[in-house]
Amino acid sequence: MRSAARGDARRSAALAVGRLCYFRLAYLTMSEAEAYLVEAVQRGDEAAWREVIGRYEGRLLSFARRMLAQRSEAEDLVQETFLGLLRSLSRYDRRRSLETYLFAILRHKLSDHFRRQPPGQRQSLETLELDEGAEAWLSTETPSGHMADQERIAAQRAALVECLRQYVEQCRQQRRFQELIVIEMLMVLGMRNKEVAADMGLTETAVAGIKFRTLERWRQLTQASAAARDWQEADLAATSTVARIWREEGVSCLKRSTLGRYLLGALDDDWAAYVEFHVEVAGCDRCLANLDDLRSEDAGSDADRERLRERCFASSVGFLKADAGS
């Protein structure tokens, strides 16, 4: 009994420290908060590690449950994802969002899981687009020459992603939602000009004009960066490298606060229509997972969430201490 009481007291104290960590993070932007957490975890800070698990566990579980029939299997892969993060944290590129990195690891865990299934029981991987970059980050073998090439490619990719994110933010701030929907139809759904025009009630000439203006904006945004290139119409095709990076990096993914306002019906009509397209029509898996997680929070499944968080923490804390001491 005394041992159990001491264990409860330690957990309560850890949660209190975690809440203090959370309140500190509340005053930071998302990128600043992620940098703070990553640095604290690298120092072996258990409260920061609890905060990372608490912040991302729900959305990762929601994503895994969309792919797996059994909740237990989904929880196993979420646990493995957090272990994968700790093991590869020294190679984590901080120019990339932590959520994006975690989802990339989870996708590879899911892929490995499906490949281990007996013939005839394997689920389709068609909807599970894998991020090749994550596989390199998780690798333990990085010869110097290969590493230099990877660093150069990573820098170019980061610059491209930053420019694309600026473009998306400009579209949203200037309420160019129609333009953004057209671009997602092309790059995410792989639709042709004629199909986009029919769906949007536009002429094909209007769609071509949107593509031309978008490429010109990308030229302006990237001209002074490592992402500078001779932008072509082919870059807007779903099979292009740019489109793949757009999808992998979640360039047009919505902030969690925006998704929360969408659930509450607190967005104006134009914003709500765009969110509905991005989530329901374009089928953004990350935003769907975040929405599922937000709904589950409202449903009050606190006991299950806390159980999984404790399990993830208990299975990984040893790696946290080992990495900090190395």
C-alpha atoms as a PDB file:
ATOM      1  CA  MET A   1       0.000   0.000   0.000  1.00  0.00           C
ATOM      2  CA  ARG A   2       2.781   2.400   0.958  1.00  0.00           C
ATOM      3  CA  SER A   3       4.634   1.591  -2.275  1.00  0.00           C
ATOM      4  CA  ALA A   4       1.494   2.303  -4.309  1.00  0.00           C
ATOM      5  CA  ALA A   5       0.950   5.552  -2.424  1.00  0.00           C
ATOM      6  CA  ARG A   6       4.532   6.633  -3.111  1.00  0.00           C
ATOM      7  CA  GLY A   7       4.066   5.794  -6.777  1.00  0.00           C
ATOM      8  CA  ASP A   8       0.881   7.881  -6.916  1.00  0.00           C
ATOM      9  CA  ALA A   9       2.683  10.751  -5.210  1.00  0.00           C
ATOM     10  CA  ARG A  10       5.555  10.621  -7.726  1.00  0.00           C
ATOM     11  CA  ARG A  11       3.100  10.606 -10.626  1.00  0.00           C
ATOM     12  CA  SER A  12       1.203  13.555  -9.136  1.00  0.00           C
ATOM     13  CA  ALA A  13       4.427  15.492  -8.682  1.00  0.00           C
ATOM     14  CA  ALA A  14       5.493  14.715 -12.258  1.00  0.00           C
ATOM     15  CA  LEU A  15       2.116  15.831 -13.585  1.00  0.00           C
ATOM     16  CA  ALA A  16       2.381  19.062 -11.575  1.00  0.00           C
ATOM     17  CA  VAL A  17       5.779  19.764 -13.127  1.00  0.00           C
ATOM     18  CA  GLY A  18       4.315  18.884 -16.504  1.00  0.00           C
ATOM     19  CA  ARG A  19       1.528  21.425 -15.984  1.00  0.00           C
ATOM     20  CA  LEU A  20       4.128  24.077 -15.111  1.00  0.00           C
ATOM     21  CA  CYS A  21       5.975  23.186 -18.321  1.00  0.00           C
ATOM     22  CA  TYR A  22       2.690  23.525 -20.205  1.00  0.00           C
ATOM     23  CA  PHE A  23       1.981  26.991 -18.820  1.00  0.00           C
ATOM     24  CA  ARG A  24       5.460  28.120 -19.881  1.00  0.00           C
ATOM     25  CA  LEU A  25       4.785  26.802 -23.382  1.00  0.00           C
ATOM     26  CA  ALA A  26       1.450  28.599 -23.567  1.00  0.00           C
ATOM     27  CA  TYR A  27       3.286  31.906 -23.989  1.00  0.00           C
ATOM     28  CA  LEU A  28       5.444  30.659 -26.867  1.00  0.00           C
ATOM     29  CA  THR A  29       4.688  30.251 -30.557  1.00  0.00           C
ATOM     30  CA  MET A  30       4.418  26.689 -31.856  1.00  0.00           C
ATOM     31  CA  SER A  31       7.948  26.661 -33.328  1.00  0.00           C
ATOM     32  CA  GLU A  32       9.397  28.179 -30.148  1.00  0.00           C
ATOM     33  CA  ALA A  33       7.485  25.680 -28.012  1.00  0.00           C
ATOM     34  CA  GLU A  34       8.753  22.759 -30.085  1.00  0.00           C
ATOM     35  CA  ALA A  35      12.336  24.018 -29.883  1.00  0.00           C
ATOM     36  CA  TYR A  36      11.991  24.419 -26.110  1.00  0.00           C
ATOM     37  CA  LEU A  37      10.631  20.888 -25.755  1.00  0.00           C
ATOM     38  CA  VAL A  38      13.236  19.279 -27.999  1.00  0.00           C
ATOM     39  CA  GLU A  39      16.110  20.983 -26.185  1.00  0.00           C
ATOM     40  CA  ALA A  40      14.682  20.015 -22.790  1.00  0.00           C
ATOM     41  CA  VAL A  41      14.176  16.389 -23.867  1.00  0.00           C
ATOM     42  CA  GLN A  42      17.742  16.236 -25.154  1.00  0.00           C
ATOM     43  CA  ARG A  43      18.869  17.291 -21.670  1.00  0.00           C
ATOM     44  CA  GLY A  44      16.888  14.389 -20.204  1.00  0.00           C
ATOM     45  CA  ASP A  45      14.053  16.524 -18.806  1.00  0.00           C
ATOM     46  CA  GLU A  46      11.288  14.066 -17.857  1.00  0.00           C
ATOM     47  CA  ALA A  47       8.611  16.765 -17.537  1.00  0.00           C
ATOM     48  CA  ALA A  48       9.329  17.954 -21.088  1.00  0.00           C
ATOM     49  CA  TRP A  49       9.185  14.378 -22.346  1.00  0.00           C
ATOM     50  CA  ARG A  50       5.799  13.916 -20.649  1.00  0.00           C
ATOM     51  CA  GLU A  51       4.654  17.108 -22.349  1.00  0.00           C
ATOM     52  CA  VAL A  52       5.740  15.798 -25.773  1.00  0.00           C
ATOM     53  CA  ILE A  53       3.856  12.546 -25.193  1.00  0.00           C
ATOM     54  CA  GLY A  54       0.787  14.334 -23.869  1.00  0.00           C
ATOM     55  CA  ARG A  55       0.759  16.814 -26.725  1.00  0.00           C
ATOM     56  CA  TYR A  56       1.023  14.321 -29.607  1.00  0.00           C
ATOM     57  CA  GLU A  57      -0.174  10.946 -28.293  1.00  0.00           C
ATOM     58  CA  GLY A  58      -3.839  11.537 -29.090  1.00  0.00           C
ATOM     59  CA  ARG A  59      -3.460  12.614 -32.688  1.00  0.00           C
ATOM     60  CA  LEU A  60      -0.959   9.820 -33.411  1.00  0.00           C
ATOM     61  CA  LEU A  61      -3.341   7.253 -31.945  1.00  0.00           C
ATOM     62  CA  SER A  62      -6.236   8.634 -33.989  1.00  0.00           C
ATOM     63  CA  PHE A  63      -4.147   8.322 -37.160  1.00  0.00           C
ATOM     64  CA  ALA A  64      -3.045   4.765 -36.357  1.00  0.00           C
ATOM     65  CA  ARG A  65      -6.605   3.714 -35.509  1.00  0.00           C
ATOM     66  CA  ARG A  66      -7.734   4.854 -38.965  1.00  0.00           C
ATOM     67  CA  MET A  67      -5.339   2.267 -40.396  1.00  0.00           C
ATOM     68  CA  LEU A  68      -5.704  -0.586 -37.893  1.00  0.00           C
ATOM     69  CA  ALA A  69      -8.724  -2.542 -36.685  1.00  0.00           C
ATOM     70  CA  GLN A  70      -7.373  -3.244 -33.201  1.00  0.00           C
ATOM     71  CA  ARG A  71      -6.825  -0.416 -30.716  1.00  0.00           C
ATOM     72  CA  SER A  72      -4.089  -2.452 -29.005  1.00  0.00           C
ATOM     73  CA  GLU A  73      -2.078  -2.592 -32.241  1.00  0.00           C
ATOM     74  CA  ALA A  74      -2.490   1.158 -32.721  1.00  0.00           C
ATOM     75  CA  GLU A  75      -1.299   1.825 -29.167  1.00  0.00           C
ATOM     76  CA  ASP A  76       1.737  -0.417 -29.717  1.00  0.00           C
ATOM     77  CA  LEU A  77       2.758   1.584 -32.777  1.00  0.00           C
ATOM     78  CA  VAL A  78       2.266   4.919 -31.007  1.00  0.00           C
ATOM     79  CA  GLN A  79       4.555   3.639 -28.250  1.00  0.00           C
ATOM     80  CA  GLU A  80       7.135   2.582 -30.855  1.00  0.00           C
ATOM     81  CA  THR A  81       6.832   5.995 -32.521  1.00  0.00           C
ATOM     82  CA  PHE A  82       7.868   7.822 -29.350  1.00  0.00           C
ATOM     83  CA  LEU A  83      10.774   5.408 -28.917  1.00  0.00           C
ATOM     84  CA  GLY A  84      11.754   6.101 -32.523  1.00  0.00           C
ATOM     85  CA  LEU A  85      11.711   9.827 -31.804  1.00  0.00           C
ATOM     86  CA  LEU A  86      14.087   9.458 -28.850  1.00  0.00           C
ATOM     87  CA  ARG A  87      16.449   7.185 -30.770  1.00  0.00           C
ATOM     88  CA  SER A  88      16.682   9.607 -33.686  1.00  0.00           C
ATOM     89  CA  LEU A  89      16.389  12.930 -31.850  1.00  0.00           C
ATOM     90  CA  SER A  90      20.073  13.763 -32.338  1.00  0.00           C
ATOM     91  CA  ARG A  91      19.427  13.722 -36.101  1.00  0.00           C
ATOM     92  CA  TYR A  92      16.119  15.602 -35.971  1.00  0.00           C
ATOM     93  CA  ASP A  93      16.112  18.602 -38.321  1.00  0.00           C
ATOM     94  CA  ARG A  94      14.517  21.388 -36.292  1.00  0.00           C
ATOM     95  CA  ARG A  95      13.469  23.217 -39.427  1.00  0.00           C
ATOM     96  CA  ARG A  96      10.775  20.567 -39.673  1.00  0.00           C
ATOM     97  CA  SER A  97       7.765  20.583 -37.364  1.00  0.00           C
ATOM     98  CA  LEU A  98       7.809  17.963 -34.623  1.00  0.00           C
ATOM     99  CA  GLU A  99       4.325  16.821 -35.594  1.00  0.00           C
ATOM    100  CA  THR A 100       5.439  16.218 -39.176  1.00  0.00           C
ATOM    101  CA  TYR A 101       8.431  14.229 -37.958  1.00  0.00           C
ATOM    102  CA  LEU A 102       6.331  12.103 -35.601  1.00  0.00           C
ATOM    103  CA  PHE A 103       3.772  11.325 -38.315  1.00  0.00           C
ATOM    104  CA  ALA A 104       6.609  10.334 -40.673  1.00  0.00           C
ATOM    105  CA  ILE A 105       7.943   7.891 -38.068  1.00  0.00           C
ATOM    106  CA  LEU A 106       4.458   6.493 -37.459  1.00  0.00           C
ATOM    107  CA  ARG A 107       3.906   5.965 -41.183  1.00  0.00           C
ATOM    108  CA  HIS A 108       7.058   3.839 -41.338  1.00  0.00           C
ATOM    109  CA  LYS A 109       5.982   1.888 -38.265  1.00  0.00           C
ATOM    110  CA  LEU A 110       2.633   1.212 -39.947  1.00  0.00           C
ATOM    111  CA  SER A 111       4.348   0.190 -43.165  1.00  0.00           C
ATOM    112  CA  ASP A 112       6.573  -2.280 -41.297  1.00  0.00           C
ATOM    113  CA  HIS A 113       3.531  -3.597 -39.430  1.00  0.00           C
ATOM    114  CA  PHE A 114       1.583  -4.236 -42.636  1.00  0.00           C
ATOM    115  CA  ARG A 115       4.540  -5.963 -44.300  1.00  0.00           C
ATOM    116  CA  ARG A 116       4.805  -8.373 -41.370  1.00  0.00           C
ATOM    117  CA  GLN A 117       1.208  -9.521 -41.850  1.00  0.00           C
ATOM    118  CA  PRO A 118       0.647 -12.989 -43.411  1.00  0.00           C
ATOM    119  CA  PRO A 119      -0.228 -13.048 -47.132  1.00  0.00           C
ATOM    120  CA  GLY A 120      -3.908 -12.352 -47.620  1.00  0.00           C
ATOM    121  CA  GLN A 121      -4.153 -10.323 -44.411  1.00  0.00           C
ATOM    122  CA  ARG A 122      -2.082  -7.316 -45.458  1.00  0.00           C
ATOM    123  CA  GLN A 123      -3.924  -4.046 -45.668  1.00  0.00           C
ATOM    124  CA  SER A 124      -3.403  -1.742 -48.627  1.00  0.00           C
ATOM    125  CA  LEU A 125      -0.649   0.838 -48.331  1.00  0.00           C
ATOM    126  CA  GLU A 126      -2.053   2.954 -51.163  1.00  0.00           C
ATOM    127  CA  THR A 127      -3.252   5.656 -48.758  1.00  0.00           C
ATOM    128  CA  LEU A 128      -0.085   5.508 -46.659  1.00  0.00           C
ATOM    129  CA  GLU A 129       2.338   7.794 -48.454  1.00  0.00           C
ATOM    130  CA  LEU A 130       5.779   7.250 -46.966  1.00  0.00           C
ATOM    131  CA  ASP A 131       8.280   9.993 -46.365  1.00  0.00           C
ATOM    132  CA  GLU A 132      11.667   8.829 -47.626  1.00  0.00           C
ATOM    133  CA  GLY A 133      13.371  11.527 -45.588  1.00  0.00           C
ATOM    134  CA  ALA A 134      12.255   9.977 -42.320  1.00  0.00           C
ATOM    135  CA  GLU A 135      13.784   6.644 -43.275  1.00  0.00           C
ATOM    136  CA  ALA A 136      17.166   8.342 -43.655  1.00  0.00           C
ATOM    137  CA  TRP A 137      16.787  10.081 -40.310  1.00  0.00           C
ATOM    138  CA  LEU A 138      16.016   6.792 -38.594  1.00  0.00           C
ATOM    139  CA  SER A 139      19.018   5.070 -40.145  1.00  0.00           C
ATOM    140  CA  THR A 140      22.048   4.435 -37.943  1.00  0.00           C
ATOM    141  CA  GLU A 141      24.469   4.241 -40.887  1.00  0.00           C
ATOM    142  CA  THR A 142      25.396   7.636 -42.327  1.00  0.00           C
ATOM    143  CA  PRO A 143      28.741   7.713 -44.197  1.00  0.00           C
ATOM    144  CA  SER A 144      30.226  11.217 -44.354  1.00  0.00           C
ATOM    145  CA  GLY A 145      29.757  11.665 -48.102  1.00  0.00           C
ATOM    146  CA  HIS A 146      26.169  10.515 -47.986  1.00  0.00           C
ATOM    147  CA  MET A 147      25.554  12.730 -44.958  1.00  0.00           C
ATOM    148  CA  ALA A 148      26.842  15.814 -46.767  1.00  0.00           C
ATOM    149  CA  ASP A 149      24.502  15.137 -49.680  1.00  0.00           C
ATOM    150  CA  GLN A 150      21.614  14.559 -47.308  1.00  0.00           C
ATOM    151  CA  GLU A 151      22.314  17.814 -45.471  1.00  0.00           C
ATOM    152  CA  ARG A 152      22.353  19.744 -48.744  1.00  0.00           C
ATOM    153  CA  ILE A 153      19.100  18.135 -49.886  1.00  0.00           C
ATOM    154  CA  ALA A 154      17.545  18.721 -46.480  1.00  0.00           C
ATOM    155  CA  ALA A 155      18.465  22.416 -46.617  1.00  0.00           C
ATOM    156  CA  GLN A 156      16.927  22.784 -50.076  1.00  0.00           C
ATOM    157  CA  ARG A 157      13.811  20.929 -48.951  1.00  0.00           C
ATOM    158  CA  ALA A 158      13.483  23.075 -45.826  1.00  0.00           C
ATOM    159  CA  ALA A 159      13.752  26.258 -47.889  1.00  0.00           C
ATOM    160  CA  LEU A 160      11.136  24.976 -50.315  1.00  0.00           C
ATOM    161  CA  VAL A 161       8.760  24.010 -47.519  1.00  0.00           C
ATOM    162  CA  GLU A 162       9.162  27.409 -45.872  1.00  0.00           C
ATOM    163  CA  CYS A 163       8.324  29.190 -49.120  1.00  0.00           C
ATOM    164  CA  LEU A 164       5.305  26.976 -49.762  1.00  0.00           C
ATOM    165  CA  ARG A 165       4.061  27.590 -46.226  1.00  0.00           C
ATOM    166  CA  GLN A 166       4.417  31.342 -46.775  1.00  0.00           C
ATOM    167  CA  TYR A 167       2.362  30.996 -49.935  1.00  0.00           C
ATOM    168  CA  VAL A 168      -0.404  29.084 -48.118  1.00  0.00           C
ATOM    169  CA  GLU A 169      -0.429  31.627 -45.286  1.00  0.00           C
ATOM    170  CA  GLN A 170      -0.702  34.479 -47.779  1.00  0.00           C
ATOM    171  CA  CYS A 171      -3.650  32.754 -49.474  1.00  0.00           C
ATOM    172  CA  ARG A 172      -5.428  32.376 -46.143  1.00  0.00           C
ATOM    173  CA  GLN A 173      -4.693  35.896 -44.896  1.00  0.00           C
ATOM    174  CA  GLN A 174      -5.827  37.394 -48.206  1.00  0.00           C
ATOM    175  CA  ARG A 175      -8.778  34.973 -48.304  1.00  0.00           C
ATOM    176  CA  ARG A 176      -7.728  33.480 -51.640  1.00  0.00           C
ATOM    177  CA  PHE A 177      -9.449  30.244 -50.676  1.00  0.00           C
ATOM    178  CA  GLN A 178     -10.571  29.440 -54.205  1.00  0.00           C
ATOM    179  CA  GLU A 179      -6.969  29.585 -55.410  1.00  0.00           C
ATOM    180  CA  LEU A 180      -5.795  27.337 -52.587  1.00  0.00           C
ATOM    181  CA  ILE A 181      -8.546  24.804 -53.244  1.00  0.00           C
ATOM    182  CA  VAL A 182      -7.618  24.692 -56.941  1.00  0.00           C
ATOM    183  CA  ILE A 183      -3.950  24.058 -56.057  1.00  0.00           C
ATOM    184  CA  GLU A 184      -4.900  21.249 -53.658  1.00  0.00           C
ATOM    185  CA  MET A 185      -7.157  19.697 -56.286  1.00  0.00           C
ATOM    186  CA  LEU A 186      -4.183  19.595 -58.635  1.00  0.00           C
ATOM    187  CA  MET A 187      -1.389  18.606 -56.244  1.00  0.00           C
ATOM    188  CA  VAL A 188      -3.222  16.500 -53.661  1.00  0.00           C
ATOM    189  CA  LEU A 189      -6.118  14.985 -55.581  1.00  0.00           C
ATOM    190  CA  GLY A 190      -4.310  14.762 -58.917  1.00  0.00           C
ATOM    191  CA  MET A 191      -7.153  16.314 -60.895  1.00  0.00           C
ATOM    192  CA  ARG A 192      -6.793  17.731 -64.401  1.00  0.00           C
ATOM    193  CA  ASN A 193      -7.643  21.308 -65.408  1.00  0.00           C
ATOM    194  CA  LYS A 194     -10.902  20.210 -67.000  1.00  0.00           C
ATOM    195  CA  GLU A 195     -11.995  18.322 -63.879  1.00  0.00           C
ATOM    196  CA  VAL A 196     -11.071  21.191 -61.570  1.00  0.00           C
ATOM    197  CA  ALA A 197     -12.975  23.647 -63.749  1.00  0.00           C
ATOM    198  CA  ALA A 198     -16.096  21.470 -63.695  1.00  0.00           C
ATOM    199  CA  ASP A 199     -16.001  20.981 -59.933  1.00  0.00           C
ATOM    200  CA  MET A 200     -15.334  24.640 -59.149  1.00  0.00           C
ATOM    201  CA  GLY A 201     -17.709  26.104 -61.745  1.00  0.00           C
ATOM    202  CA  LEU A 202     -14.830  27.803 -63.546  1.00  0.00           C
ATOM    203  CA  THR A 203     -13.614  27.871 -67.113  1.00  0.00           C
ATOM    204  CA  GLU A 204     -10.451  25.983 -68.010  1.00  0.00           C
ATOM    205  CA  THR A 205      -8.928  29.354 -68.889  1.00  0.00           C
ATOM    206  CA  ALA A 206      -9.612  30.562 -65.330  1.00  0.00           C
ATOM    207  CA  VAL A 207      -7.928  27.466 -63.889  1.00  0.00           C
ATOM    208  CA  ALA A 208      -4.918  28.011 -66.172  1.00  0.00           C
ATOM    209  CA  GLY A 209      -4.763  31.614 -64.942  1.00  0.00           C
ATOM    210  CA  ILE A 210      -4.711  30.481 -61.293  1.00  0.00           C
ATOM    211  CA  LYS A 211      -1.856  28.079 -62.087  1.00  0.00           C
ATOM    212  CA  PHE A 212       0.112  30.814 -63.858  1.00  0.00           C
ATOM    213  CA  ARG A 213      -0.304  33.271 -60.960  1.00  0.00           C
ATOM    214  CA  THR A 214       0.629  30.594 -58.415  1.00  0.00           C
ATOM    215  CA  LEU A 215       3.860  29.719 -60.216  1.00  0.00           C
ATOM    216  CA  GLU A 216       4.725  33.427 -60.417  1.00  0.00           C
ATOM    217  CA  ARG A 217       4.163  33.804 -56.667  1.00  0.00           C
ATOM    218  CA  TRP A 218       6.394  30.792 -56.017  1.00  0.00           C
ATOM    219  CA  ARG A 219       9.124  32.356 -58.173  1.00  0.00           C
ATOM    220  CA  GLN A 220       8.952  35.537 -56.116  1.00  0.00           C
ATOM    221  CA  LEU A 221       8.999  33.683 -52.794  1.00  0.00           C
ATOM    222  CA  THR A 222      11.891  31.376 -53.700  1.00  0.00           C
ATOM    223  CA  GLN A 223      14.101  33.619 -55.828  1.00  0.00           C
ATOM    224  CA  ALA A 224      16.466  34.502 -52.969  1.00  0.00           C
ATOM    225  CA  SER A 225      16.478  31.101 -51.256  1.00  0.00           C
ATOM    226  CA  ALA A 226      17.965  27.643 -51.679  1.00  0.00           C
ATOM    227  CA  ALA A 227      14.623  26.661 -53.233  1.00  0.00           C
ATOM    228  CA  ALA A 228      15.107  28.963 -56.234  1.00  0.00           C
ATOM    229  CA  ARG A 229      14.224  27.153 -59.449  1.00  0.00           C
ATOM    230  CA  ASP A 230      12.676  27.580 -62.851  1.00  0.00           C
ATOM    231  CA  TRP A 231       9.087  26.830 -61.866  1.00  0.00           C
ATOM    232  CA  GLN A 232       7.081  24.955 -64.469  1.00  0.00           C
ATOM    233  CA  GLU A 233       3.462  23.856 -64.787  1.00  0.00           C
ATOM    234  CA  ALA A 234       4.639  20.262 -64.228  1.00  0.00           C
ATOM    235  CA  ASP A 235       5.489  21.223 -60.617  1.00  0.00           C
ATOM    236  CA  LEU A 236       1.746  21.515 -59.959  1.00  0.00           C
ATOM    237  CA  ALA A 237       1.069  17.909 -60.982  1.00  0.00           C
ATOM    238  CA  ALA A 238       0.347  15.377 -58.237  1.00  0.00           C
ATOM    239  CA  THR A 239       3.265  13.224 -59.456  1.00  0.00           C
ATOM    240  CA  SER A 240       5.845  16.009 -59.071  1.00  0.00           C
ATOM    241  CA  THR A 241       8.481  16.156 -56.340  1.00  0.00           C
ATOM    242  CA  VAL A 242       7.015  19.460 -55.151  1.00  0.00           C
ATOM    243  CA  ALA A 243       3.573  17.894 -54.760  1.00  0.00           C
ATOM    244  CA  ARG A 244       5.033  14.966 -52.835  1.00  0.00           C
ATOM    245  CA  ILE A 245       6.817  17.336 -50.449  1.00  0.00           C
ATOM    246  CA  TRP A 246       3.613  19.392 -50.115  1.00  0.00           C
ATOM    247  CA  ARG A 247       1.764  16.267 -48.963  1.00  0.00           C
ATOM    248  CA  GLU A 248       4.547  14.821 -46.797  1.00  0.00           C
ATOM    249  CA  GLU A 249       5.195  18.079 -44.966  1.00  0.00           C
ATOM    250  CA  GLY A 250       1.527  18.912 -44.509  1.00  0.00           C
ATOM    251  CA  VAL A 251       2.164  22.322 -46.080  1.00  0.00           C
ATOM    252  CA  SER A 252      -1.528  23.244 -46.073  1.00  0.00           C
ATOM    253  CA  CYS A 253      -2.419  21.434 -42.835  1.00  0.00           C
ATOM    254  CA  LEU A 254      -4.513  23.510 -40.479  1.00  0.00           C
ATOM    255  CA  LYS A 255      -3.579  24.702 -37.015  1.00  0.00           C
ATOM    256  CA  ARG A 256      -5.166  22.687 -34.242  1.00  0.00           C
ATOM    257  CA  SER A 257      -6.839  25.838 -32.937  1.00  0.00           C
ATOM    258  CA  THR A 258      -8.449  26.371 -36.349  1.00  0.00           C
ATOM    259  CA  LEU A 259      -9.742  22.804 -36.369  1.00  0.00           C
ATOM    260  CA  GLY A 260     -11.138  23.353 -32.875  1.00  0.00           C
ATOM    261  CA  ARG A 261     -13.001  26.466 -34.020  1.00  0.00           C
ATOM    262  CA  TYR A 262     -14.292  24.507 -37.019  1.00  0.00           C
ATOM    263  CA  LEU A 263     -15.774  21.877 -34.701  1.00  0.00           C
ATOM    264  CA  LEU A 264     -17.396  24.631 -32.630  1.00  0.00           C
ATOM    265  CA  GLY A 265     -18.864  26.250 -35.748  1.00  0.00           C
ATOM    266  CA  ALA A 266     -16.916  29.421 -34.953  1.00  0.00           C
ATOM    267  CA  LEU A 267     -15.408  29.986 -38.418  1.00  0.00           C
ATOM    268  CA  ASP A 268     -16.991  32.248 -41.013  1.00  0.00           C
ATOM    269  CA  ASP A 269     -18.515  30.633 -44.089  1.00  0.00           C
ATOM    270  CA  ASP A 270     -15.495  31.022 -46.407  1.00  0.00           C
ATOM    271  CA  TRP A 271     -13.071  29.620 -43.845  1.00  0.00           C
ATOM    272  CA  ALA A 272     -15.418  26.766 -42.924  1.00  0.00           C
ATOM    273  CA  ALA A 273     -15.885  25.848 -46.582  1.00  0.00           C
ATOM    274  CA  TYR A 274     -12.131  25.691 -47.094  1.00  0.00           C
ATOM    275  CA  VAL A 275     -11.584  23.580 -43.965  1.00  0.00           C
ATOM    276  CA  GLU A 276     -14.346  21.220 -45.068  1.00  0.00           C
ATOM    277  CA  PHE A 277     -12.701  20.828 -48.475  1.00  0.00           C
ATOM    278  CA  HIS A 278      -9.228  20.264 -47.022  1.00  0.00           C
ATOM    279  CA  VAL A 279     -10.438  17.673 -44.528  1.00  0.00           C
ATOM    280  CA  GLU A 280     -13.376  15.934 -46.168  1.00  0.00           C
ATOM    281  CA  VAL A 281     -12.614  16.227 -49.900  1.00  0.00           C
ATOM    282  CA  ALA A 282      -8.821  16.353 -50.006  1.00  0.00           C
ATOM    283  CA  GLY A 283      -8.847  13.853 -47.127  1.00  0.00           C
ATOM    284  CA  CYS A 284      -5.891  15.256 -45.172  1.00  0.00           C
ATOM    285  CA  ASP A 285      -4.969  12.358 -42.880  1.00  0.00           C
ATOM    286  CA  ARG A 286      -3.178  14.519 -40.316  1.00  0.00           C
ATOM    287  CA  CYS A 287      -6.050  16.987 -39.971  1.00  0.00           C
ATOM    288  CA  LEU A 288      -8.547  14.121 -39.780  1.00  0.00           C
ATOM    289  CA  ALA A 289      -6.461  12.581 -36.987  1.00  0.00           C
ATOM    290  CA  ASN A 290      -6.377  15.909 -35.158  1.00  0.00           C
ATOM    291  CA  LEU A 291     -10.142  16.284 -35.535  1.00  0.00           C
ATOM    292  CA  ASP A 292     -10.707  12.754 -34.221  1.00  0.00           C
ATOM    293  CA  ASP A 293      -8.451  13.543 -31.274  1.00  0.00           C
ATOM    294  CA  LEU A 294     -10.271  16.797 -30.516  1.00  0.00           C
ATOM    295  CA  ARG A 295     -13.592  14.984 -30.604  1.00  0.00           C
ATOM    296  CA  SER A 296     -12.282  12.265 -28.288  1.00  0.00           C
ATOM    297  CA  GLU A 297     -11.121  14.946 -25.841  1.00  0.00           C
ATOM    298  CA  ASP A 298     -14.662  16.311 -25.780  1.00  0.00           C
ATOM    299  CA  ALA A 299     -15.998  12.786 -25.265  1.00  0.00           C
ATOM    300  CA  GLY A 300     -14.060  12.610 -21.995  1.00  0.00           C
ATOM    301  CA  SER A 301     -11.881   9.515 -22.495  1.00  0.00           C
ATOM    302  CA  ASP A 302      -9.364  10.824 -19.942  1.00  0.00           C
ATOM    303  CA  ALA A 303      -8.664   7.461 -18.297  1.00  0.00           C
ATOM    304  CA  ASP A 304      -7.681   5.734 -21.559  1.00  0.00           C
ATOM    305  CA  ARG A 305      -5.560   8.688 -22.650  1.00  0.00           C
ATOM    306  CA  GLU A 306      -3.714   8.835 -19.327  1.00  0.00           C
ATOM    307  CA  ARG A 307      -3.109   5.086 -19.389  1.00  0.00           C
ATOM    308  CA  LEU A 308      -1.493   5.276 -22.836  1.00  0.00           C
ATOM    309  CA  ARG A 309       0.581   8.305 -21.865  1.00  0.00           C
ATOM    310  CA  GLU A 310       1.915   6.531 -18.797  1.00  0.00           C
ATOM    311  CA  ARG A 311       2.674   3.447 -20.860  1.00  0.00           C
ATOM    312  CA  CYS A 312       4.571   5.477 -23.473  1.00  0.00           C
ATOM    313  CA  PHE A 313       6.492   7.319 -20.777  1.00  0.00           C
ATOM    314  CA  ALA A 314       7.375   4.203 -18.771  1.00  0.00           C
ATOM    315  CA  SER A 315       8.630   2.348 -21.855  1.00  0.00           C
ATOM    316  CA  SER A 316      10.805   5.223 -23.047  1.00  0.00           C
ATOM    317  CA  VAL A 317      12.128   7.037 -19.979  1.00  0.00           C
ATOM    318  CA  GLY A 318      15.146   4.724 -19.851  1.00  0.00           C
ATOM    319  CA  PHE A 319      16.148   5.810 -23.362  1.00  0.00           C
ATOM    320  CA  LEU A 320      15.640   9.430 -22.343  1.00  0.00           C
ATOM    321  CA  LYS A 321      18.151   9.125 -19.504  1.00  0.00           C
ATOM    322  CA  ALA A 322      20.586   7.099 -21.589  1.00  0.00           C
ATOM    323  CA  ASP A 323      20.571   9.666 -24.427  1.00  0.00           C
ATOM    324  CA  ALA A 324      21.030  12.566 -22.033  1.00  0.00           C
ATOM    325  CA  GLY A 325      24.031  10.868 -20.428  1.00  0.00           C
ATOM    326  CA  SER A 326      25.760  10.007 -23.687  1.00  0.00           C
END
